[in-house]
Amino acid sequence: MEETEPNPTPIRVFFFLAGIIATLAYRAIIVINFFSPFWVQVFWYTGTIGFIIYFWHRYMVQRRRAKLVEKYDLVKLAEETPGKTEEQGEALTYIVQTSLTSRSRWNSMFIFVTSVLALLVGIALDLGLASWLSL
């Protein structure tokens, strides 16, 4: 079933590395700021684009999981599945149920959207289009 198959490993590694590189790029800005405004921009754009890629992907994964839980009524299935201990049942129900109620996918969407907005504002400022932003 295609909807339950994970992305191929190279694609998952790509998104993982995009998040790591973005995070490192943003952290490095603190030091690079003492040396070169040009490299600050390079690292800022790298970090911002990396966050756009990574958090879009995280949102899509989290949304996909929630849809599967709803479509197949997996909370009910987790609660009713025989042959498990009480602790296993509670753990399974918790994992399945929180994929529906967790705010992490909305956090991912928020970071994605604000990163896109920051990128657009950054491009506008770098191109000298600040006048239309009323700055």
C-alpha atoms as a PDB file:
ATOM      1  CA  MET A   1       0.000   0.000   0.000  1.00  0.00           C
ATOM      2  CA  GLU A   2       1.689   3.201  -1.225  1.00  0.00           C
ATOM      3  CA  GLU A   3       0.274   5.471   1.481  1.00  0.00           C
ATOM      4  CA  THR A   4       2.029   3.474   4.203  1.00  0.00           C
ATOM      5  CA  GLU A   5       5.399   3.036   2.538  1.00  0.00           C
ATOM      6  CA  PRO A   6       8.130   5.377   3.759  1.00  0.00           C
ATOM      7  CA  ASN A   7      10.120   7.486   1.355  1.00  0.00           C
ATOM      8  CA  PRO A   8      13.259   5.825  -0.006  1.00  0.00           C
ATOM      9  CA  THR A   9      16.300   6.108   2.260  1.00  0.00           C
ATOM     10  CA  PRO A  10      18.132   8.699   0.101  1.00  0.00           C
ATOM     11  CA  ILE A  11      15.133  11.033   0.282  1.00  0.00           C
ATOM     12  CA  ARG A  12      14.850  10.621   4.054  1.00  0.00           C
ATOM     13  CA  VAL A  13      18.582  11.307   4.406  1.00  0.00           C
ATOM     14  CA  PHE A  14      18.194  14.421   2.240  1.00  0.00           C
ATOM     15  CA  PHE A  15      15.499  15.879   4.512  1.00  0.00           C
ATOM     16  CA  PHE A  16      17.458  14.928   7.623  1.00  0.00           C
ATOM     17  CA  LEU A  17      20.606  16.632   6.310  1.00  0.00           C
ATOM     18  CA  ALA A  18      18.602  19.703   5.248  1.00  0.00           C
ATOM     19  CA  GLY A  19      17.470  20.110   8.861  1.00  0.00           C
ATOM     20  CA  ILE A  20      20.961  19.564  10.282  1.00  0.00           C
ATOM     21  CA  ILE A  21      22.628  21.949   7.818  1.00  0.00           C
ATOM     22  CA  ALA A  22      19.960  24.599   8.403  1.00  0.00           C
ATOM     23  CA  THR A  23      20.390  24.381  12.156  1.00  0.00           C
ATOM     24  CA  LEU A  24      24.178  24.553  11.950  1.00  0.00           C
ATOM     25  CA  ALA A  25      24.018  27.461   9.499  1.00  0.00           C
ATOM     26  CA  TYR A  26      21.825  29.514  11.835  1.00  0.00           C
ATOM     27  CA  ARG A  27      24.064  28.759  14.818  1.00  0.00           C
ATOM     28  CA  ALA A  28      27.202  29.678  12.871  1.00  0.00           C
ATOM     29  CA  ILE A  29      25.841  33.148  12.081  1.00  0.00           C
ATOM     30  CA  ILE A  30      26.697  34.255  15.617  1.00  0.00           C
ATOM     31  CA  VAL A  31      30.412  33.696  14.968  1.00  0.00           C
ATOM     32  CA  ILE A  32      30.489  34.565  11.263  1.00  0.00           C
ATOM     33  CA  ASN A  33      28.876  37.915  12.058  1.00  0.00           C
ATOM     34  CA  PHE A  34      32.275  39.041  13.411  1.00  0.00           C
ATOM     35  CA  PHE A  35      34.011  38.331  10.100  1.00  0.00           C
ATOM     36  CA  SER A  36      31.903  38.880   6.985  1.00  0.00           C
ATOM     37  CA  PRO A  37      28.432  40.256   6.196  1.00  0.00           C
ATOM     38  CA  PHE A  38      28.509  38.334   2.909  1.00  0.00           C
ATOM     39  CA  TRP A  39      28.940  34.984   4.672  1.00  0.00           C
ATOM     40  CA  VAL A  40      26.251  35.905   7.176  1.00  0.00           C
ATOM     41  CA  GLN A  41      23.865  36.232   4.230  1.00  0.00           C
ATOM     42  CA  VAL A  42      25.019  32.938   2.715  1.00  0.00           C
ATOM     43  CA  PHE A  43      24.529  31.114   6.011  1.00  0.00           C
ATOM     44  CA  TRP A  44      21.201  32.847   6.666  1.00  0.00           C
ATOM     45  CA  TYR A  45      19.831  31.871   3.245  1.00  0.00           C
ATOM     46  CA  THR A  46      21.173  28.341   3.660  1.00  0.00           C
ATOM     47  CA  GLY A  47      19.505  28.024   7.067  1.00  0.00           C
ATOM     48  CA  THR A  48      16.227  29.543   5.940  1.00  0.00           C
ATOM     49  CA  ILE A  49      15.940  27.413   2.800  1.00  0.00           C
ATOM     50  CA  GLY A  50      16.937  24.349   4.823  1.00  0.00           C
ATOM     51  CA  PHE A  51      14.190  25.053   7.351  1.00  0.00           C
ATOM     52  CA  ILE A  52      11.647  25.481   4.549  1.00  0.00           C
ATOM     53  CA  ILE A  53      12.596  22.083   3.124  1.00  0.00           C
ATOM     54  CA  TYR A  54      12.837  20.294   6.459  1.00  0.00           C
ATOM     55  CA  PHE A  55       9.696  21.632   8.128  1.00  0.00           C
ATOM     56  CA  TRP A  56       7.564  21.196   5.006  1.00  0.00           C
ATOM     57  CA  HIS A  57       8.655  17.568   5.010  1.00  0.00           C
ATOM     58  CA  ARG A  58       7.973  17.138   8.757  1.00  0.00           C
ATOM     59  CA  TYR A  59       4.491  18.616   8.337  1.00  0.00           C
ATOM     60  CA  MET A  60       3.727  16.249   5.456  1.00  0.00           C
ATOM     61  CA  VAL A  61       4.912  13.188   7.423  1.00  0.00           C
ATOM     62  CA  GLN A  62       2.925  14.167  10.512  1.00  0.00           C
ATOM     63  CA  ARG A  63      -0.176  14.884   8.432  1.00  0.00           C
ATOM     64  CA  ARG A  64       0.149  11.561   6.635  1.00  0.00           C
ATOM     65  CA  ARG A  65       0.376   9.701   9.955  1.00  0.00           C
ATOM     66  CA  ALA A  66      -2.684  11.460  11.346  1.00  0.00           C
ATOM     67  CA  LYS A  67      -4.691  10.670   8.198  1.00  0.00           C
ATOM     68  CA  LEU A  68      -3.757   6.990   8.447  1.00  0.00           C
ATOM     69  CA  VAL A  69      -4.830   6.887  12.102  1.00  0.00           C
ATOM     70  CA  GLU A  70      -8.191   8.421  11.184  1.00  0.00           C
ATOM     71  CA  LYS A  71      -8.751   6.408   7.992  1.00  0.00           C
ATOM     72  CA  TYR A  72      -8.104   3.041   9.625  1.00  0.00           C
ATOM     73  CA  ASP A  73      -9.495   3.951  13.079  1.00  0.00           C
ATOM     74  CA  LEU A  74      -6.197   2.925  14.621  1.00  0.00           C
ATOM     75  CA  VAL A  75      -6.985   4.358  18.072  1.00  0.00           C
ATOM     76  CA  LYS A  76      -9.883   1.935  18.435  1.00  0.00           C
ATOM     77  CA  LEU A  77      -7.796  -0.891  17.001  1.00  0.00           C
ATOM     78  CA  ALA A  78      -4.975  -0.169  19.466  1.00  0.00           C
ATOM     79  CA  GLU A  79      -7.425  -0.229  22.355  1.00  0.00           C
ATOM     80  CA  GLU A  80      -9.108  -3.462  21.243  1.00  0.00           C
ATOM     81  CA  THR A  81      -6.143  -5.506  20.009  1.00  0.00           C
ATOM     82  CA  PRO A  82      -5.906  -8.712  22.063  1.00  0.00           C
ATOM     83  CA  GLY A  83      -2.754 -10.395  23.329  1.00  0.00           C
ATOM     84  CA  LYS A  84      -1.030  -7.382  24.824  1.00  0.00           C
ATOM     85  CA  THR A  85      -0.248  -6.438  28.398  1.00  0.00           C
ATOM     86  CA  GLU A  86      -1.992  -3.479  29.979  1.00  0.00           C
ATOM     87  CA  GLU A  87       1.220  -1.427  29.711  1.00  0.00           C
ATOM     88  CA  GLN A  88       1.658  -2.358  26.043  1.00  0.00           C
ATOM     89  CA  GLY A  89      -1.950  -1.379  25.353  1.00  0.00           C
ATOM     90  CA  GLU A  90      -1.547   1.962  27.084  1.00  0.00           C
ATOM     91  CA  ALA A  91       1.714   2.655  25.242  1.00  0.00           C
ATOM     92  CA  LEU A  92       0.258   1.697  21.869  1.00  0.00           C
ATOM     93  CA  THR A  93      -2.892   3.740  22.421  1.00  0.00           C
ATOM     94  CA  TYR A  94      -0.813   6.735  23.534  1.00  0.00           C
ATOM     95  CA  ILE A  95       1.414   6.601  20.439  1.00  0.00           C
ATOM     96  CA  VAL A  96      -1.487   6.232  18.030  1.00  0.00           C
ATOM     97  CA  GLN A  97      -3.747   8.777  19.728  1.00  0.00           C
ATOM     98  CA  THR A  98      -1.073  11.471  20.033  1.00  0.00           C
ATOM     99  CA  SER A  99      -0.434  11.349  16.297  1.00  0.00           C
ATOM    100  CA  LEU A 100      -3.913  12.886  16.022  1.00  0.00           C
ATOM    101  CA  THR A 101      -3.763  15.322  18.932  1.00  0.00           C
ATOM    102  CA  SER A 102      -0.136  16.450  18.834  1.00  0.00           C
ATOM    103  CA  ARG A 103       0.455  20.069  17.873  1.00  0.00           C
ATOM    104  CA  SER A 104       3.815  19.216  16.329  1.00  0.00           C
ATOM    105  CA  ARG A 105       2.472  19.218  12.774  1.00  0.00           C
ATOM    106  CA  TRP A 106       1.084  22.729  13.305  1.00  0.00           C
ATOM    107  CA  ASN A 107       4.412  23.779  14.777  1.00  0.00           C
ATOM    108  CA  SER A 108       6.107  22.427  11.652  1.00  0.00           C
ATOM    109  CA  MET A 109       3.631  24.295   9.434  1.00  0.00           C
ATOM    110  CA  PHE A 110       4.188  27.512  11.405  1.00  0.00           C
ATOM    111  CA  ILE A 111       7.968  27.276  11.060  1.00  0.00           C
ATOM    112  CA  PHE A 112       7.598  26.460   7.348  1.00  0.00           C
ATOM    113  CA  VAL A 113       5.309  29.446   6.678  1.00  0.00           C
ATOM    114  CA  THR A 114       7.347  31.922   8.717  1.00  0.00           C
ATOM    115  CA  SER A 115      10.534  30.695   7.017  1.00  0.00           C
ATOM    116  CA  VAL A 116       8.983  31.270   3.590  1.00  0.00           C
ATOM    117  CA  LEU A 117       7.925  34.762   4.669  1.00  0.00           C
ATOM    118  CA  ALA A 118      11.402  35.484   6.078  1.00  0.00           C
ATOM    119  CA  LEU A 119      12.969  34.287   2.824  1.00  0.00           C
ATOM    120  CA  LEU A 120      10.707  36.552   0.761  1.00  0.00           C
ATOM    121  CA  VAL A 121      11.422  39.555   2.986  1.00  0.00           C
ATOM    122  CA  GLY A 122      15.152  38.778   2.906  1.00  0.00           C
ATOM    123  CA  ILE A 123      15.156  38.605  -0.887  1.00  0.00           C
ATOM    124  CA  ALA A 124      13.165  41.846  -1.125  1.00  0.00           C
ATOM    125  CA  LEU A 125      15.573  43.625   1.214  1.00  0.00           C
ATOM    126  CA  ASP A 126      18.630  42.288  -0.588  1.00  0.00           C
ATOM    127  CA  LEU A 127      17.221  43.397  -3.940  1.00  0.00           C
ATOM    128  CA  GLY A 128      16.543  46.875  -2.593  1.00  0.00           C
ATOM    129  CA  LEU A 129      12.795  46.473  -2.709  1.00  0.00           C
ATOM    130  CA  ALA A 130      12.350  47.709   0.859  1.00  0.00           C
ATOM    131  CA  SER A 131      10.207  50.630  -0.272  1.00  0.00           C
ATOM    132  CA  TRP A 132       7.220  48.381  -0.973  1.00  0.00           C
ATOM    133  CA  LEU A 133       7.598  46.982   2.538  1.00  0.00           C
ATOM    134  CA  SER A 134       7.288  50.532   3.927  1.00  0.00           C
ATOM    135  CA  LEU A 135      10.641  50.294   5.680  1.00  0.00           C
END
